[in-house]
Amino acid sequence: MSTRKFKAHPQSAPGDFYVVNDECITCGAPHVAAPNLVGWAENVEFDHCIWKRQPQTHEEIEEAISAVLVSEVGCHRYAGNDPGILERLGSTYCDAPQPVRRYQAGKSGNDVVPPNFALLVGKPSSLDRFLTALKSIFRS
């Protein structure tokens, strides 16, 4: 586990996934995404979500990533250094520094993979959608 940027709720299970203490707004969304991993703190003045336990399997890691991404105020975080998780969650939800990405040559050696400027990783950007529409017009 890497060093955390924020203080975790004291009842959260130790590990890479955590909830920032006093930032939960009790939205309940992470509980739906990962019901076996995320729960409610006990014997507290105000409701606060916690990580009941850390993910162990590939399926649980997928649920954990979903729980972080659906959090209403970004209070769920990842303090680990798994490159795949870091890439999927991005710097918004990760405590570890993000690796610097560089242009990479494609398989033919001539193709260059441009950086992704989409707000949501994995979703086409406005520019991508515009260029796709433009290409379809000129193909007609």
N, C-alpha and C. Protein backbone atom coordinates (compact mmCIF):
# COMPACT_ATOMS: atom_id res chain seq x y z
N MET A 1 0.85 -1.18 0.00
CA MET A 1 0.00 0.00 0.00
C MET A 1 0.89 1.23 0.00
N SER A 2 0.56 2.18 -0.86
CA SER A 2 1.28 3.44 -0.93
C SER A 2 0.82 4.37 0.18
N THR A 3 1.50 5.48 0.31
CA THR A 3 1.11 6.48 1.28
C THR A 3 -0.18 7.14 0.83
N ARG A 4 -1.10 7.29 1.77
CA ARG A 4 -2.38 7.92 1.46
C ARG A 4 -2.25 9.44 1.49
N LYS A 5 -2.98 10.10 0.59
CA LYS A 5 -3.00 11.56 0.57
C LYS A 5 -3.92 12.11 1.65
N PHE A 6 -4.94 11.32 2.01
CA PHE A 6 -5.95 11.78 2.95
C PHE A 6 -6.12 10.77 4.07
N LYS A 7 -6.73 11.22 5.15
CA LYS A 7 -6.98 10.33 6.28
C LYS A 7 -8.22 9.49 5.97
N ALA A 8 -8.09 8.19 6.11
CA ALA A 8 -9.21 7.28 5.88
C ALA A 8 -10.10 7.25 7.11
N HIS A 9 -11.37 6.89 6.88
CA HIS A 9 -12.27 6.70 8.02
C HIS A 9 -11.66 5.60 8.90
N PRO A 10 -11.65 5.78 10.22
CA PRO A 10 -10.98 4.82 11.10
C PRO A 10 -11.55 3.40 11.05
N GLN A 11 -12.80 3.24 10.63
CA GLN A 11 -13.38 1.89 10.57
C GLN A 11 -13.15 1.20 9.23
N SER A 12 -12.55 1.89 8.27
CA SER A 12 -12.29 1.26 6.97
C SER A 12 -11.23 0.18 7.11
N ALA A 13 -11.42 -0.90 6.36
CA ALA A 13 -10.45 -1.99 6.35
C ALA A 13 -9.13 -1.49 5.81
N PRO A 14 -8.02 -1.87 6.42
CA PRO A 14 -6.71 -1.45 5.91
C PRO A 14 -6.51 -1.96 4.48
N GLY A 15 -5.88 -1.16 3.66
CA GLY A 15 -5.61 -1.57 2.29
C GLY A 15 -5.59 -0.39 1.35
N ASP A 16 -5.54 -0.71 0.07
CA ASP A 16 -5.38 0.32 -0.96
C ASP A 16 -6.63 1.15 -1.21
N PHE A 17 -7.81 0.56 -1.09
CA PHE A 17 -9.05 1.30 -1.30
C PHE A 17 -9.51 1.85 0.03
N TYR A 18 -9.92 3.13 0.05
CA TYR A 18 -10.37 3.73 1.30
C TYR A 18 -11.35 4.86 1.04
N VAL A 19 -12.02 5.29 2.10
CA VAL A 19 -12.93 6.43 2.05
C VAL A 19 -12.30 7.54 2.88
N VAL A 20 -12.27 8.75 2.32
CA VAL A 20 -11.71 9.89 3.04
C VAL A 20 -12.62 10.20 4.22
N ASN A 21 -12.02 10.30 5.39
CA ASN A 21 -12.79 10.56 6.61
C ASN A 21 -13.52 11.90 6.53
N ASP A 22 -14.77 11.89 6.95
CA ASP A 22 -15.63 13.07 7.01
C ASP A 22 -15.99 13.67 5.66
N GLU A 23 -15.88 12.90 4.58
CA GLU A 23 -16.29 13.41 3.27
C GLU A 23 -17.48 12.67 2.68
N CYS A 24 -17.95 11.64 3.33
CA CYS A 24 -19.09 10.86 2.83
C CYS A 24 -20.37 11.67 2.95
N ILE A 25 -21.18 11.64 1.88
CA ILE A 25 -22.49 12.31 1.92
C ILE A 25 -23.62 11.28 1.95
N THR A 26 -23.30 10.05 2.26
CA THR A 26 -24.25 8.93 2.38
C THR A 26 -25.10 8.75 1.13
N CYS A 27 -24.48 8.85 -0.04
CA CYS A 27 -25.21 8.69 -1.30
C CYS A 27 -25.65 7.24 -1.51
N GLY A 28 -24.90 6.29 -0.99
CA GLY A 28 -25.25 4.88 -1.13
C GLY A 28 -24.84 4.25 -2.44
N ALA A 29 -24.35 5.04 -3.39
CA ALA A 29 -23.99 4.49 -4.70
C ALA A 29 -22.86 3.46 -4.63
N PRO A 30 -21.78 3.70 -3.87
CA PRO A 30 -20.72 2.69 -3.81
C PRO A 30 -21.20 1.36 -3.22
N HIS A 31 -22.21 1.41 -2.36
CA HIS A 31 -22.76 0.19 -1.76
C HIS A 31 -23.44 -0.68 -2.81
N VAL A 32 -24.06 -0.05 -3.78
CA VAL A 32 -24.73 -0.78 -4.85
C VAL A 32 -23.69 -1.39 -5.78
N ALA A 33 -22.61 -0.65 -6.06
CA ALA A 33 -21.56 -1.14 -6.96
C ALA A 33 -20.75 -2.27 -6.34
N ALA A 34 -20.53 -2.22 -5.03
CA ALA A 34 -19.69 -3.23 -4.37
C ALA A 34 -20.26 -3.58 -2.99
N PRO A 35 -21.42 -4.25 -2.96
CA PRO A 35 -22.09 -4.51 -1.68
C PRO A 35 -21.29 -5.38 -0.71
N ASN A 36 -20.42 -6.21 -1.21
CA ASN A 36 -19.62 -7.07 -0.32
C ASN A 36 -18.36 -6.37 0.18
N LEU A 37 -18.03 -5.22 -0.40
CA LEU A 37 -16.81 -4.51 -0.03
C LEU A 37 -17.06 -3.24 0.75
N VAL A 38 -18.16 -2.54 0.42
CA VAL A 38 -18.46 -1.24 1.03
C VAL A 38 -19.65 -1.38 1.96
N GLY A 39 -19.53 -0.79 3.13
CA GLY A 39 -20.62 -0.84 4.11
C GLY A 39 -20.72 0.49 4.84
N TRP A 40 -21.46 0.46 5.95
CA TRP A 40 -21.65 1.67 6.76
C TRP A 40 -20.89 1.54 8.07
N ALA A 41 -20.33 2.64 8.52
CA ALA A 41 -19.62 2.67 9.80
C ALA A 41 -20.64 2.43 10.92
N GLU A 42 -20.19 1.80 11.98
CA GLU A 42 -21.06 1.49 13.11
C GLU A 42 -20.78 2.42 14.28
N ASN A 43 -21.84 2.71 15.06
CA ASN A 43 -21.74 3.51 16.27
C ASN A 43 -21.10 4.88 16.03
N VAL A 44 -21.58 5.57 15.00
CA VAL A 44 -21.08 6.91 14.70
C VAL A 44 -22.24 7.89 14.75
N GLU A 45 -21.93 9.15 14.97
CA GLU A 45 -22.97 10.18 15.06
C GLU A 45 -23.65 10.39 13.72
N PHE A 46 -22.87 10.39 12.62
CA PHE A 46 -23.40 10.58 11.28
C PHE A 46 -23.03 9.37 10.44
N ASP A 47 -23.95 8.97 9.55
CA ASP A 47 -23.66 7.85 8.65
C ASP A 47 -22.42 8.16 7.83
N HIS A 48 -21.62 7.13 7.61
CA HIS A 48 -20.39 7.29 6.84
C HIS A 48 -20.07 5.93 6.24
N CYS A 49 -19.76 5.90 4.94
CA CYS A 49 -19.41 4.62 4.33
C CYS A 49 -17.96 4.27 4.64
N ILE A 50 -17.70 2.98 4.61
CA ILE A 50 -16.37 2.45 4.86
C ILE A 50 -16.12 1.28 3.92
N TRP A 51 -14.86 0.90 3.78
CA TRP A 51 -14.53 -0.35 3.09
C TRP A 51 -14.55 -1.44 4.15
N LYS A 52 -15.52 -2.38 4.03
CA LYS A 52 -15.61 -3.49 4.97
C LYS A 52 -14.42 -4.42 4.83
N ARG A 53 -14.00 -4.59 3.59
CA ARG A 53 -12.82 -5.41 3.29
C ARG A 53 -12.29 -5.01 1.93
N GLN A 54 -11.06 -5.39 1.67
CA GLN A 54 -10.41 -5.05 0.41
C GLN A 54 -10.70 -6.12 -0.64
N PRO A 55 -10.72 -5.75 -1.91
CA PRO A 55 -10.99 -6.74 -2.97
C PRO A 55 -9.85 -7.75 -3.08
N GLN A 56 -10.23 -8.99 -3.37
CA GLN A 56 -9.24 -10.07 -3.48
C GLN A 56 -9.21 -10.70 -4.87
N THR A 57 -10.34 -10.76 -5.53
CA THR A 57 -10.43 -11.42 -6.83
C THR A 57 -10.55 -10.37 -7.94
N HIS A 58 -10.40 -10.82 -9.18
CA HIS A 58 -10.56 -9.92 -10.33
C HIS A 58 -11.96 -9.30 -10.32
N GLU A 59 -12.98 -10.09 -10.03
CA GLU A 59 -14.35 -9.59 -10.00
C GLU A 59 -14.52 -8.52 -8.91
N GLU A 60 -13.92 -8.76 -7.76
CA GLU A 60 -14.02 -7.78 -6.67
C GLU A 60 -13.25 -6.50 -7.00
N ILE A 61 -12.13 -6.62 -7.70
CA ILE A 61 -11.39 -5.42 -8.11
C ILE A 61 -12.25 -4.60 -9.08
N GLU A 62 -12.96 -5.28 -9.98
CA GLU A 62 -13.88 -4.58 -10.89
C GLU A 62 -14.96 -3.85 -10.10
N GLU A 63 -15.51 -4.51 -9.08
CA GLU A 63 -16.53 -3.88 -8.24
C GLU A 63 -15.94 -2.68 -7.48
N ALA A 64 -14.72 -2.84 -6.98
CA ALA A 64 -14.07 -1.76 -6.24
C ALA A 64 -13.86 -0.54 -7.14
N ILE A 65 -13.40 -0.77 -8.36
CA ILE A 65 -13.21 0.33 -9.31
C ILE A 65 -14.55 1.02 -9.57
N SER A 66 -15.60 0.22 -9.76
CA SER A 66 -16.94 0.80 -9.97
C SER A 66 -17.38 1.62 -8.77
N ALA A 67 -17.12 1.12 -7.57
CA ALA A 67 -17.51 1.85 -6.36
C ALA A 67 -16.81 3.21 -6.28
N VAL A 68 -15.54 3.24 -6.65
CA VAL A 68 -14.81 4.50 -6.64
C VAL A 68 -15.39 5.46 -7.67
N LEU A 69 -15.68 4.95 -8.85
CA LEU A 69 -16.15 5.81 -9.94
C LEU A 69 -17.56 6.35 -9.73
N VAL A 70 -18.41 5.63 -8.98
CA VAL A 70 -19.78 6.11 -8.78
C VAL A 70 -19.93 6.99 -7.54
N SER A 71 -18.89 7.11 -6.76
CA SER A 71 -18.95 7.94 -5.56
C SER A 71 -19.35 9.36 -5.93
N GLU A 72 -20.35 9.88 -5.27
CA GLU A 72 -20.92 11.19 -5.61
C GLU A 72 -19.92 12.34 -5.47
N VAL A 73 -19.06 12.30 -4.47
CA VAL A 73 -18.15 13.43 -4.23
C VAL A 73 -16.69 13.04 -4.33
N GLY A 74 -16.40 11.87 -4.84
CA GLY A 74 -15.01 11.44 -5.00
C GLY A 74 -14.32 11.13 -3.69
N CYS A 75 -15.07 10.72 -2.69
CA CYS A 75 -14.45 10.44 -1.38
C CYS A 75 -13.82 9.05 -1.32
N HIS A 76 -14.12 8.20 -2.28
CA HIS A 76 -13.47 6.88 -2.35
C HIS A 76 -12.20 7.03 -3.16
N ARG A 77 -11.10 6.45 -2.66
CA ARG A 77 -9.80 6.64 -3.29
C ARG A 77 -9.04 5.32 -3.36
N TYR A 78 -7.99 5.35 -4.19
CA TYR A 78 -7.09 4.20 -4.35
C TYR A 78 -5.68 4.65 -4.01
N ALA A 79 -5.04 3.97 -3.05
CA ALA A 79 -3.69 4.33 -2.60
C ALA A 79 -2.65 3.31 -3.06
N GLY A 80 -3.04 2.39 -3.93
CA GLY A 80 -2.10 1.37 -4.39
C GLY A 80 -1.30 1.82 -5.59
N ASN A 81 -0.56 0.87 -6.17
CA ASN A 81 0.27 1.21 -7.32
C ASN A 81 0.12 0.22 -8.47
N ASP A 82 -1.00 -0.47 -8.54
CA ASP A 82 -1.26 -1.37 -9.67
C ASP A 82 -1.48 -0.52 -10.92
N PRO A 83 -0.62 -0.70 -11.96
CA PRO A 83 -0.72 0.16 -13.15
C PRO A 83 -2.08 0.11 -13.84
N GLY A 84 -2.71 -1.05 -13.89
CA GLY A 84 -4.01 -1.17 -14.53
C GLY A 84 -5.09 -0.38 -13.80
N ILE A 85 -5.08 -0.45 -12.48
CA ILE A 85 -6.06 0.29 -11.69
C ILE A 85 -5.77 1.79 -11.77
N LEU A 86 -4.50 2.16 -11.69
CA LEU A 86 -4.13 3.57 -11.80
C LEU A 86 -4.60 4.17 -13.11
N GLU A 87 -4.42 3.42 -14.19
CA GLU A 87 -4.84 3.92 -15.50
C GLU A 87 -6.34 4.08 -15.59
N ARG A 88 -7.08 3.12 -15.03
CA ARG A 88 -8.54 3.18 -15.12
C ARG A 88 -9.14 4.26 -14.23
N LEU A 89 -8.56 4.49 -13.06
CA LEU A 89 -9.12 5.49 -12.15
C LEU A 89 -8.56 6.88 -12.39
N GLY A 90 -7.35 6.98 -12.89
CA GLY A 90 -6.75 8.28 -13.18
C GLY A 90 -6.37 9.04 -11.92
N SER A 91 -5.77 10.18 -12.12
CA SER A 91 -5.23 10.96 -11.01
C SER A 91 -6.30 11.52 -10.08
N THR A 92 -7.53 11.62 -10.55
CA THR A 92 -8.61 12.15 -9.72
C THR A 92 -8.83 11.30 -8.47
N TYR A 93 -8.71 9.99 -8.61
CA TYR A 93 -9.05 9.08 -7.51
C TYR A 93 -7.85 8.32 -6.95
N CYS A 94 -6.66 8.57 -7.46
CA CYS A 94 -5.48 7.81 -7.04
C CYS A 94 -4.49 8.68 -6.29
N ASP A 95 -3.87 8.10 -5.29
CA ASP A 95 -2.88 8.82 -4.50
C ASP A 95 -1.48 8.71 -5.08
N ALA A 96 -1.20 7.67 -5.85
CA ALA A 96 0.12 7.48 -6.44
C ALA A 96 0.29 8.43 -7.62
N PRO A 97 1.51 8.90 -7.86
CA PRO A 97 1.74 9.73 -9.04
C PRO A 97 1.44 8.95 -10.31
N GLN A 98 0.86 9.62 -11.28
CA GLN A 98 0.51 8.97 -12.54
C GLN A 98 1.73 8.93 -13.45
N PRO A 99 1.93 7.82 -14.16
CA PRO A 99 3.06 7.76 -15.08
C PRO A 99 2.86 8.72 -16.25
N VAL A 100 3.96 9.25 -16.75
CA VAL A 100 3.90 10.14 -17.91
C VAL A 100 3.74 9.29 -19.14
N ARG A 101 2.73 9.59 -19.95
CA ARG A 101 2.50 8.83 -21.18
C ARG A 101 3.20 9.52 -22.33
N ARG A 102 3.76 8.73 -23.18
CA ARG A 102 4.46 9.26 -24.35
C ARG A 102 3.81 8.69 -25.61
N TYR A 103 4.03 9.39 -26.71
CA TYR A 103 3.55 8.87 -27.98
C TYR A 103 4.20 7.52 -28.23
N GLN A 104 3.43 6.60 -28.81
CA GLN A 104 3.95 5.27 -29.12
C GLN A 104 3.75 4.99 -30.60
N ALA A 105 4.76 4.39 -31.20
CA ALA A 105 4.61 4.01 -32.60
C ALA A 105 3.64 2.85 -32.70
N GLY A 106 2.82 2.85 -33.74
CA GLY A 106 1.88 1.76 -33.97
C GLY A 106 2.59 0.54 -34.51
N LYS A 107 1.83 -0.50 -34.81
CA LYS A 107 2.41 -1.76 -35.28
C LYS A 107 3.20 -1.58 -36.58
N SER A 108 2.72 -0.69 -37.45
CA SER A 108 3.41 -0.51 -38.73
C SER A 108 4.66 0.35 -38.57
N GLY A 109 4.81 0.99 -37.42
CA GLY A 109 5.95 1.86 -37.22
C GLY A 109 5.68 3.28 -37.68
N ASN A 110 4.64 3.49 -38.49
CA ASN A 110 4.32 4.82 -38.99
C ASN A 110 3.17 5.47 -38.24
N ASP A 111 2.33 4.65 -37.62
CA ASP A 111 1.16 5.18 -36.94
C ASP A 111 1.56 5.69 -35.56
N VAL A 112 1.06 6.84 -35.19
CA VAL A 112 1.32 7.40 -33.88
C VAL A 112 -0.01 7.44 -33.14
N VAL A 113 -0.02 6.95 -31.91
CA VAL A 113 -1.22 6.96 -31.10
C VAL A 113 -1.29 8.31 -30.40
N PRO A 114 -2.27 9.15 -30.75
CA PRO A 114 -2.34 10.48 -30.13
C PRO A 114 -2.85 10.38 -28.69
N PRO A 115 -2.59 11.40 -27.88
CA PRO A 115 -3.12 11.39 -26.51
C PRO A 115 -4.63 11.47 -26.53
N ASN A 116 -5.27 10.95 -25.50
CA ASN A 116 -6.73 10.96 -25.39
C ASN A 116 -7.15 12.21 -24.64
N PHE A 117 -7.95 13.06 -25.28
CA PHE A 117 -8.42 14.27 -24.65
C PHE A 117 -9.86 14.15 -24.17
N ALA A 118 -10.40 12.94 -24.14
CA ALA A 118 -11.77 12.74 -23.70
C ALA A 118 -11.86 12.99 -22.20
N LEU A 119 -12.97 13.56 -21.76
CA LEU A 119 -13.18 13.76 -20.33
C LEU A 119 -13.37 12.44 -19.61
N LEU A 120 -14.01 11.50 -20.26
CA LEU A 120 -14.21 10.17 -19.69
C LEU A 120 -13.34 9.19 -20.44
N VAL A 121 -12.41 8.57 -19.73
CA VAL A 121 -11.51 7.62 -20.37
C VAL A 121 -12.33 6.49 -20.97
N GLY A 122 -12.00 6.13 -22.19
CA GLY A 122 -12.73 5.05 -22.86
C GLY A 122 -13.91 5.54 -23.67
N LYS A 123 -14.26 6.78 -23.53
CA LYS A 123 -15.37 7.37 -24.28
C LYS A 123 -14.78 8.26 -25.37
N PRO A 124 -15.37 8.29 -26.57
CA PRO A 124 -14.84 9.16 -27.62
C PRO A 124 -15.04 10.63 -27.24
N SER A 125 -14.04 11.42 -27.54
CA SER A 125 -14.13 12.86 -27.23
C SER A 125 -15.04 13.53 -28.26
N SER A 126 -15.36 14.77 -27.99
CA SER A 126 -16.18 15.55 -28.93
C SER A 126 -15.48 15.66 -30.27
N LEU A 127 -14.16 15.83 -30.24
CA LEU A 127 -13.40 15.92 -31.47
C LEU A 127 -13.47 14.61 -32.25
N ASP A 128 -13.35 13.47 -31.55
CA ASP A 128 -13.47 12.17 -32.23
C ASP A 128 -14.83 12.02 -32.89
N ARG A 129 -15.89 12.38 -32.19
CA ARG A 129 -17.24 12.26 -32.75
C ARG A 129 -17.41 13.17 -33.96
N PHE A 130 -16.87 14.40 -33.87
CA PHE A 130 -16.95 15.34 -34.97
C PHE A 130 -16.22 14.81 -36.19
N LEU A 131 -15.00 14.30 -35.99
CA LEU A 131 -14.22 13.78 -37.11
C LEU A 131 -14.88 12.56 -37.75
N THR A 132 -15.48 11.71 -36.94
CA THR A 132 -16.20 10.54 -37.46
C THR A 132 -17.38 10.99 -38.32
N ALA A 133 -18.12 11.98 -37.84
CA ALA A 133 -19.26 12.51 -38.61
C ALA A 133 -18.78 13.15 -39.90
N LEU A 134 -17.69 13.87 -39.84
CA LEU A 134 -17.13 14.52 -41.02
C LEU A 134 -16.68 13.49 -42.05
N LYS A 135 -16.05 12.43 -41.60
CA LYS A 135 -15.61 11.36 -42.52
C LYS A 135 -16.81 10.72 -43.22
N SER A 136 -17.89 10.49 -42.45
CA SER A 136 -19.06 9.85 -43.07
C SER A 136 -19.72 10.75 -44.11
N ILE A 137 -19.65 12.06 -43.92
CA ILE A 137 -20.23 13.00 -44.89
C ILE A 137 -19.44 12.94 -46.20
N PHE A 138 -18.13 12.92 -46.09
CA PHE A 138 -17.29 12.94 -47.31
C PHE A 138 -17.22 11.59 -47.99
N ARG A 139 -17.59 10.52 -47.30
CA ARG A 139 -17.62 9.20 -47.94
C ARG A 139 -18.87 9.04 -48.80
N SER A 140 -19.89 9.83 -48.50
CA SER A 140 -21.18 9.71 -49.22
C SER A 140 -21.09 10.18 -50.64
